[in-house]
Amino acid sequence: MSVRLHPHALPATTHSYLLRAAESLSEAVSATDVPTRYACAHVAALRAAAALLSARATPVGSARGRRQKNAWVLLAQVAPELAEWATFFAAGASKRAAAEAGSLRAVTEREADDLVRDADRFLAVVEQSLGLVPHVSLAHLPARRVS
């Protein structure tokens, strides 16, 4: 079930996360090294998820005695229609961590380019589910040549 919210009713944090997601996506597109491109794209998706969570999640009482959940687990619970996206991006978290740590073998150029396109699509899906007009897709940009 998709919950459509009026854009003006969205919390300021939602707009902030969306802006930061777009900035990370822009960094991913312009990054010249593969690990940075992958990491920035993954962070863009994570920030888009945070935007949706900030708009839809209902705060609960004290976290004492409860296990903390990562954003991807929460996203699948709060927005079940995005569960496949959550599973997909959760699977790339360890690669992102390795890329951020400077590993040049963590991801291939193709994986980084694919993740940039996937993060771009995911951001548009989140924007649309929040009742916003999706950003101009990066799909029109030429694909990087894969070696």
C-alpha atoms as a PDB file:
ATOM      1  CA  MET A   1       0.000   0.000   0.000  1.00  0.00           C
ATOM      2  CA  SER A   2       1.448   3.338  -1.040  1.00  0.00           C
ATOM      3  CA  VAL A   3       0.770   6.305   1.205  1.00  0.00           C
ATOM      4  CA  ARG A   4       0.695   9.568  -0.738  1.00  0.00           C
ATOM      5  CA  LEU A   5       1.478  12.651   1.281  1.00  0.00           C
ATOM      6  CA  HIS A   6       1.001  16.234   0.221  1.00  0.00           C
ATOM      7  CA  PRO A   7       4.469  17.691  -0.541  1.00  0.00           C
ATOM      8  CA  HIS A   8       3.836  20.648   1.749  1.00  0.00           C
ATOM      9  CA  ALA A   9       2.987  18.290   4.603  1.00  0.00           C
ATOM     10  CA  LEU A  10       6.354  16.553   4.412  1.00  0.00           C
ATOM     11  CA  PRO A  11       8.749  17.119   7.300  1.00  0.00           C
ATOM     12  CA  ALA A  12      11.762  19.363   6.688  1.00  0.00           C
ATOM     13  CA  THR A  13      14.007  16.359   7.310  1.00  0.00           C
ATOM     14  CA  THR A  14      12.424  14.593   4.327  1.00  0.00           C
ATOM     15  CA  HIS A  15      13.300  17.465   2.023  1.00  0.00           C
ATOM     16  CA  SER A  16      16.781  17.643   3.528  1.00  0.00           C
ATOM     17  CA  TYR A  17      17.419  13.935   2.936  1.00  0.00           C
ATOM     18  CA  LEU A  18      16.137  14.219  -0.646  1.00  0.00           C
ATOM     19  CA  LEU A  19      18.480  17.133  -1.304  1.00  0.00           C
ATOM     20  CA  ARG A  20      21.400  15.228   0.186  1.00  0.00           C
ATOM     21  CA  ALA A  21      20.473  12.149  -1.873  1.00  0.00           C
ATOM     22  CA  ALA A  22      20.556  14.251  -5.033  1.00  0.00           C
ATOM     23  CA  GLU A  23      23.928  15.696  -4.027  1.00  0.00           C
ATOM     24  CA  SER A  24      25.363  12.210  -3.429  1.00  0.00           C
ATOM     25  CA  LEU A  25      23.984  11.061  -6.770  1.00  0.00           C
ATOM     26  CA  SER A  26      25.620  14.036  -8.463  1.00  0.00           C
ATOM     27  CA  GLU A  27      28.915  13.164  -6.750  1.00  0.00           C
ATOM     28  CA  ALA A  28      28.561   9.582  -7.993  1.00  0.00           C
ATOM     29  CA  VAL A  29      28.017  10.728 -11.575  1.00  0.00           C
ATOM     30  CA  SER A  30      31.037  13.019 -11.536  1.00  0.00           C
ATOM     31  CA  ALA A  31      33.382  10.688  -9.609  1.00  0.00           C
ATOM     32  CA  THR A  32      36.315   9.535 -11.660  1.00  0.00           C
ATOM     33  CA  ASP A  33      37.265   6.544  -9.526  1.00  0.00           C
ATOM     34  CA  VAL A  34      35.141   3.422  -9.295  1.00  0.00           C
ATOM     35  CA  PRO A  35      35.004   2.959  -5.492  1.00  0.00           C
ATOM     36  CA  THR A  36      33.877   6.554  -4.973  1.00  0.00           C
ATOM     37  CA  ARG A  37      31.244   6.270  -7.693  1.00  0.00           C
ATOM     38  CA  TYR A  38      29.829   3.114  -6.098  1.00  0.00           C
ATOM     39  CA  ALA A  39      29.932   4.461  -2.540  1.00  0.00           C
ATOM     40  CA  CYS A  40      28.300   7.774  -3.462  1.00  0.00           C
ATOM     41  CA  ALA A  41      25.541   6.007  -5.397  1.00  0.00           C
ATOM     42  CA  HIS A  42      24.833   3.702  -2.457  1.00  0.00           C
ATOM     43  CA  VAL A  43      24.775   6.639  -0.044  1.00  0.00           C
ATOM     44  CA  ALA A  44      22.362   8.442  -2.384  1.00  0.00           C
ATOM     45  CA  ALA A  45      19.997   5.478  -2.173  1.00  0.00           C
ATOM     46  CA  LEU A  46      20.396   5.326   1.605  1.00  0.00           C
ATOM     47  CA  ARG A  47      19.542   9.012   1.905  1.00  0.00           C
ATOM     48  CA  ALA A  48      16.503   8.547  -0.333  1.00  0.00           C
ATOM     49  CA  ALA A  49      15.380   5.724   1.968  1.00  0.00           C
ATOM     50  CA  ALA A  50      15.934   7.998   4.974  1.00  0.00           C
ATOM     51  CA  ALA A  51      13.745  10.635   3.314  1.00  0.00           C
ATOM     52  CA  LEU A  52      10.904   8.178   2.945  1.00  0.00           C
ATOM     53  CA  LEU A  53      11.354   6.891   6.485  1.00  0.00           C
ATOM     54  CA  SER A  54      11.321  10.415   7.898  1.00  0.00           C
ATOM     55  CA  ALA A  55       8.016  11.040   6.122  1.00  0.00           C
ATOM     56  CA  ARG A  56       6.277   7.750   6.878  1.00  0.00           C
ATOM     57  CA  ALA A  57       7.779   6.145   9.952  1.00  0.00           C
ATOM     58  CA  THR A  58       5.943   6.538  13.217  1.00  0.00           C
ATOM     59  CA  PRO A  59       8.256   7.085  16.173  1.00  0.00           C
ATOM     60  CA  VAL A  60       7.892   4.586  18.972  1.00  0.00           C
ATOM     61  CA  GLY A  61       8.814   4.799  22.631  1.00  0.00           C
ATOM     62  CA  SER A  62      12.125   3.932  24.161  1.00  0.00           C
ATOM     63  CA  ALA A  63      14.433   1.680  22.207  1.00  0.00           C
ATOM     64  CA  ARG A  64      15.512  -0.082  25.377  1.00  0.00           C
ATOM     65  CA  GLY A  65      15.251  -3.822  25.010  1.00  0.00           C
ATOM     66  CA  ARG A  66      14.541  -3.595  21.289  1.00  0.00           C
ATOM     67  CA  ARG A  67      16.966  -4.517  18.580  1.00  0.00           C
ATOM     68  CA  GLN A  68      17.992  -1.671  16.306  1.00  0.00           C
ATOM     69  CA  LYS A  69      17.146  -2.144  12.643  1.00  0.00           C
ATOM     70  CA  ASN A  70      19.027  -0.748   9.708  1.00  0.00           C
ATOM     71  CA  ALA A  71      17.379   1.595   7.230  1.00  0.00           C
ATOM     72  CA  TRP A  72      16.800  -1.146   4.655  1.00  0.00           C
ATOM     73  CA  VAL A  73      14.938  -3.368   7.133  1.00  0.00           C
ATOM     74  CA  LEU A  74      12.876  -0.387   8.263  1.00  0.00           C
ATOM     75  CA  LEU A  75      12.147   0.629   4.668  1.00  0.00           C
ATOM     76  CA  ALA A  76      10.759  -2.826   3.879  1.00  0.00           C
ATOM     77  CA  GLN A  77       8.494  -2.571   6.935  1.00  0.00           C
ATOM     78  CA  VAL A  78       7.339   1.008   6.433  1.00  0.00           C
ATOM     79  CA  ALA A  79       7.016   0.795   2.646  1.00  0.00           C
ATOM     80  CA  PRO A  80       6.466  -2.858   1.706  1.00  0.00           C
ATOM     81  CA  GLU A  81       6.090  -1.859  -1.947  1.00  0.00           C
ATOM     82  CA  LEU A  82       9.796  -0.961  -1.841  1.00  0.00           C
ATOM     83  CA  ALA A  83      10.937  -4.199  -0.182  1.00  0.00           C
ATOM     84  CA  GLU A  84      12.742  -5.397  -3.334  1.00  0.00           C
ATOM     85  CA  TRP A  85      14.678  -2.144  -3.496  1.00  0.00           C
ATOM     86  CA  ALA A  86      15.534  -2.484   0.202  1.00  0.00           C
ATOM     87  CA  THR A  87      16.821  -6.027  -0.312  1.00  0.00           C
ATOM     88  CA  PHE A  88      18.819  -4.956  -3.349  1.00  0.00           C
ATOM     89  CA  PHE A  89      20.558  -2.037  -1.634  1.00  0.00           C
ATOM     90  CA  ALA A  90      21.084  -3.963   1.614  1.00  0.00           C
ATOM     91  CA  ALA A  91      23.002  -6.553  -0.391  1.00  0.00           C
ATOM     92  CA  GLY A  92      25.423  -3.858  -1.567  1.00  0.00           C
ATOM     93  CA  ALA A  93      26.205  -2.427   1.877  1.00  0.00           C
ATOM     94  CA  SER A  94      29.346  -4.504   2.426  1.00  0.00           C
ATOM     95  CA  LYS A  95      30.664  -3.536  -1.011  1.00  0.00           C
ATOM     96  CA  ARG A  96      30.020   0.114  -0.173  1.00  0.00           C
ATOM     97  CA  ALA A  97      31.939  -0.268   3.107  1.00  0.00           C
ATOM     98  CA  ALA A  98      34.866  -1.847   1.261  1.00  0.00           C
ATOM     99  CA  ALA A  99      34.773   0.878  -1.398  1.00  0.00           C
ATOM    100  CA  GLU A 100      34.712   3.578   1.278  1.00  0.00           C
ATOM    101  CA  ALA A 101      37.694   1.896   2.941  1.00  0.00           C
ATOM    102  CA  GLY A 102      39.604   2.367  -0.306  1.00  0.00           C
ATOM    103  CA  SER A 103      39.473  -1.142  -1.743  1.00  0.00           C
ATOM    104  CA  LEU A 104      40.107  -1.011  -5.470  1.00  0.00           C
ATOM    105  CA  ARG A 105      38.827  -4.568  -5.857  1.00  0.00           C
ATOM    106  CA  ALA A 106      35.532  -4.173  -4.008  1.00  0.00           C
ATOM    107  CA  VAL A 107      33.500  -3.314  -7.099  1.00  0.00           C
ATOM    108  CA  THR A 108      33.924  -3.270 -10.829  1.00  0.00           C
ATOM    109  CA  GLU A 109      33.356  -0.263 -13.039  1.00  0.00           C
ATOM    110  CA  ARG A 110      30.245  -1.939 -14.413  1.00  0.00           C
ATOM    111  CA  GLU A 111      28.840  -2.490 -10.896  1.00  0.00           C
ATOM    112  CA  ALA A 112      29.472   1.147 -10.020  1.00  0.00           C
ATOM    113  CA  ASP A 113      27.804   2.418 -13.201  1.00  0.00           C
ATOM    114  CA  ASP A 114      24.834   0.092 -12.711  1.00  0.00           C
ATOM    115  CA  LEU A 115      24.436   1.226  -9.108  1.00  0.00           C
ATOM    116  CA  VAL A 116      24.441   4.884 -10.159  1.00  0.00           C
ATOM    117  CA  ARG A 117      21.556   4.158 -12.547  1.00  0.00           C
ATOM    118  CA  ASP A 118      19.728   2.083  -9.913  1.00  0.00           C
ATOM    119  CA  ALA A 119      20.134   4.779  -7.250  1.00  0.00           C
ATOM    120  CA  ASP A 120      18.838   7.329  -9.752  1.00  0.00           C
ATOM    121  CA  ARG A 121      15.733   5.209 -10.409  1.00  0.00           C
ATOM    122  CA  PHE A 122      15.230   4.545  -6.699  1.00  0.00           C
ATOM    123  CA  LEU A 123      15.384   8.259  -5.869  1.00  0.00           C
ATOM    124  CA  ALA A 124      12.700   8.907  -8.496  1.00  0.00           C
ATOM    125  CA  VAL A 125      10.522   6.133  -7.034  1.00  0.00           C
ATOM    126  CA  VAL A 126      10.870   7.621  -3.553  1.00  0.00           C
ATOM    127  CA  GLU A 127      10.078  11.127  -4.803  1.00  0.00           C
ATOM    128  CA  GLN A 128       7.009   9.853  -6.600  1.00  0.00           C
ATOM    129  CA  SER A 129       5.808   7.861  -3.587  1.00  0.00           C
ATOM    130  CA  LEU A 130       6.072  11.048  -1.519  1.00  0.00           C
ATOM    131  CA  GLY A 131       3.845  12.892  -3.979  1.00  0.00           C
ATOM    132  CA  LEU A 132       6.697  14.890  -5.474  1.00  0.00           C
ATOM    133  CA  VAL A 133       7.608  15.322  -9.101  1.00  0.00           C
ATOM    134  CA  PRO A 134      10.580  13.011  -9.696  1.00  0.00           C
ATOM    135  CA  HIS A 135      13.903  14.632 -10.569  1.00  0.00           C
ATOM    136  CA  VAL A 136      15.173  14.601 -14.132  1.00  0.00           C
ATOM    137  CA  SER A 137      16.607  11.133 -14.573  1.00  0.00           C
ATOM    138  CA  LEU A 138      20.244  10.555 -15.287  1.00  0.00           C
ATOM    139  CA  ALA A 139      19.219   7.934 -17.854  1.00  0.00           C
ATOM    140  CA  HIS A 140      19.760  10.467 -20.621  1.00  0.00           C
ATOM    141  CA  LEU A 141      23.444  10.725 -19.724  1.00  0.00           C
ATOM    142  CA  PRO A 142      25.797   8.623 -21.830  1.00  0.00           C
ATOM    143  CA  ALA A 143      26.873   5.404 -20.163  1.00  0.00           C
ATOM    144  CA  ARG A 144      30.516   5.088 -19.210  1.00  0.00           C
ATOM    145  CA  ARG A 145      32.544   2.781 -21.334  1.00  0.00           C
ATOM    146  CA  VAL A 146      33.190  -0.500 -19.510  1.00  0.00           C
ATOM    147  CA  SER A 147      36.714  -1.828 -19.873  1.00  0.00           C
END
